[in-house]
C-alpha cells in the first residue's frame, strides 16, 4: 500500500523506506524478546491463541528434519 502512495507521489520514498526498515527491525526484536523471556511457554500460548498449534508442529518437524540449512534455504 505504501508503495502505491509513493508511486502516486503522495508520499516520499525515503521516509517510507526508513519507516518500513524500522518497523521490520522492531518486529524482529519484539519476537526475539518474547522468545527469550517467555521461552517455550510464550510460543505455545501465542500459537494456541492464534490457532497455529498445528502449524507450529509442522515447523518443528521441518526443523528436526532439515536443521539450519532448511531454515536458511526456505527464507
C-alpha atoms as a PDB file:
ATOM      1  CA  UNK A   1       0.000   0.000   0.000  1.00  0.00           C
ATOM      2  CA  UNK A   2       2.747   2.443   0.857  1.00  0.00           C
ATOM      3  CA  UNK A   3       4.470   1.625  -2.407  1.00  0.00           C
ATOM      4  CA  UNK A   4       1.420   2.743  -4.340  1.00  0.00           C
ATOM      5  CA  UNK A   5       1.306   6.002  -2.375  1.00  0.00           C
ATOM      6  CA  UNK A   6       4.964   6.615  -3.213  1.00  0.00           C
ATOM      7  CA  UNK A   7       4.326   5.797  -6.876  1.00  0.00           C
ATOM      8  CA  UNK A   8       1.425   8.261  -6.961  1.00  0.00           C
ATOM      9  CA  UNK A   9       3.561  10.968  -5.384  1.00  0.00           C
ATOM     10  CA  UNK A  10       1.505  11.187  -2.190  1.00  0.00           C
ATOM     11  CA  UNK A  11       4.473  10.111  -0.040  1.00  0.00           C
ATOM     12  CA  UNK A  12       8.236  10.442  -0.342  1.00  0.00           C
ATOM     13  CA  UNK A  13      10.347   7.327  -0.867  1.00  0.00           C
ATOM     14  CA  UNK A  14      12.994   7.797   1.834  1.00  0.00           C
ATOM     15  CA  UNK A  15      10.661   8.286   4.816  1.00  0.00           C
ATOM     16  CA  UNK A  16       8.710   5.207   3.712  1.00  0.00           C
ATOM     17  CA  UNK A  17      11.919   3.158   3.440  1.00  0.00           C
ATOM     18  CA  UNK A  18      13.080   4.321   6.865  1.00  0.00           C
ATOM     19  CA  UNK A  19       9.702   3.567   8.434  1.00  0.00           C
ATOM     20  CA  UNK A  20       9.482   0.114   6.846  1.00  0.00           C
ATOM     21  CA  UNK A  21      13.048  -0.750   7.863  1.00  0.00           C
ATOM     22  CA  UNK A  22      12.473   0.448  11.411  1.00  0.00           C
ATOM     23  CA  UNK A  23       9.229  -1.498  11.680  1.00  0.00           C
ATOM     24  CA  UNK A  24      10.911  -4.685  10.428  1.00  0.00           C
ATOM     25  CA  UNK A  25      13.770  -4.322  12.911  1.00  0.00           C
ATOM     26  CA  UNK A  26      11.395  -3.544  15.773  1.00  0.00           C
ATOM     27  CA  UNK A  27       9.224  -6.546  14.901  1.00  0.00           C
ATOM     28  CA  UNK A  28      12.252  -8.841  14.865  1.00  0.00           C
ATOM     29  CA  UNK A  29      13.375  -7.539  18.237  1.00  0.00           C
ATOM     30  CA  UNK A  30       9.940  -7.957  19.796  1.00  0.00           C
ATOM     31  CA  UNK A  31       9.758 -11.541  18.546  1.00  0.00           C
ATOM     32  CA  UNK A  32      13.217 -12.254  19.920  1.00  0.00           C
ATOM     33  CA  UNK A  33      12.364 -10.755  23.324  1.00  0.00           C
ATOM     34  CA  UNK A  34       9.141 -12.771  23.550  1.00  0.00           C
ATOM     35  CA  UNK A  35      11.040 -15.958  22.788  1.00  0.00           C
ATOM     36  CA  UNK A  36      13.964 -15.109  25.040  1.00  0.00           C
ATOM     37  CA  UNK A  37      11.963 -14.061  28.095  1.00  0.00           C
ATOM     38  CA  UNK A  38       8.884 -16.219  27.694  1.00  0.00           C
ATOM     39  CA  UNK A  39      10.529 -19.262  26.182  1.00  0.00           C
ATOM     40  CA  UNK A  40       8.521 -22.238  25.070  1.00  0.00           C
ATOM     41  CA  UNK A  41       5.510 -21.308  27.219  1.00  0.00           C
ATOM     42  CA  UNK A  42       5.101 -17.969  25.432  1.00  0.00           C
ATOM     43  CA  UNK A  43       5.409 -19.560  21.989  1.00  0.00           C
ATOM     44  CA  UNK A  44       2.854 -22.239  22.891  1.00  0.00           C
ATOM     45  CA  UNK A  45       0.450 -19.664  24.333  1.00  0.00           C
ATOM     46  CA  UNK A  46       0.637 -17.477  21.234  1.00  0.00           C
ATOM     47  CA  UNK A  47       0.200 -20.483  18.939  1.00  0.00           C
ATOM     48  CA  UNK A  48      -2.775 -21.709  20.972  1.00  0.00           C
ATOM     49  CA  UNK A  49      -4.499 -18.305  20.933  1.00  0.00           C
ATOM     50  CA  UNK A  50      -3.956 -17.793  17.233  1.00  0.00           C
ATOM     51  CA  UNK A  51      -4.933 -21.316  16.246  1.00  0.00           C
ATOM     52  CA  UNK A  52      -1.446 -22.054  14.966  1.00  0.00           C
ATOM     53  CA  UNK A  53      -0.685 -25.134  17.041  1.00  0.00           C
ATOM     54  CA  UNK A  54      -0.760 -27.405  14.008  1.00  0.00           C
ATOM     55  CA  UNK A  55       1.471 -25.040  12.067  1.00  0.00           C
ATOM     56  CA  UNK A  56       3.963 -24.967  14.950  1.00  0.00           C
ATOM     57  CA  UNK A  57       4.160 -28.759  14.970  1.00  0.00           C
ATOM     58  CA  UNK A  58       4.800 -28.799  11.217  1.00  0.00           C
ATOM     59  CA  UNK A  59       7.506 -26.149  11.573  1.00  0.00           C
ATOM     60  CA  UNK A  60       9.193 -28.114  14.348  1.00  0.00           C
ATOM     61  CA  UNK A  61       9.130 -31.273  12.255  1.00  0.00           C
ATOM     62  CA  UNK A  62      10.695 -29.340   9.380  1.00  0.00           C
ATOM     63  CA  UNK A  63      13.467 -28.062  11.646  1.00  0.00           C
ATOM     64  CA  UNK A  64      14.164 -31.528  13.022  1.00  0.00           C
ATOM     65  CA  UNK A  65      14.360 -32.956   9.513  1.00  0.00           C
ATOM     66  CA  UNK A  66      16.366 -30.256   7.733  1.00  0.00           C
ATOM     67  CA  UNK A  67      18.049 -28.240  10.502  1.00  0.00           C
ATOM     68  CA  UNK A  68      19.794 -24.924   9.867  1.00  0.00           C
ATOM     69  CA  UNK A  69      20.241 -25.413   6.097  1.00  0.00           C
ATOM     70  CA  UNK A  70      16.491 -25.918   5.750  1.00  0.00           C
ATOM     71  CA  UNK A  71      15.789 -22.652   7.558  1.00  0.00           C
ATOM     72  CA  UNK A  72      18.393 -20.793   5.510  1.00  0.00           C
ATOM     73  CA  UNK A  73      17.165 -22.046   2.136  1.00  0.00           C
ATOM     74  CA  UNK A  74      13.469 -21.695   2.994  1.00  0.00           C
ATOM     75  CA  UNK A  75      13.892 -17.995   3.579  1.00  0.00           C
END
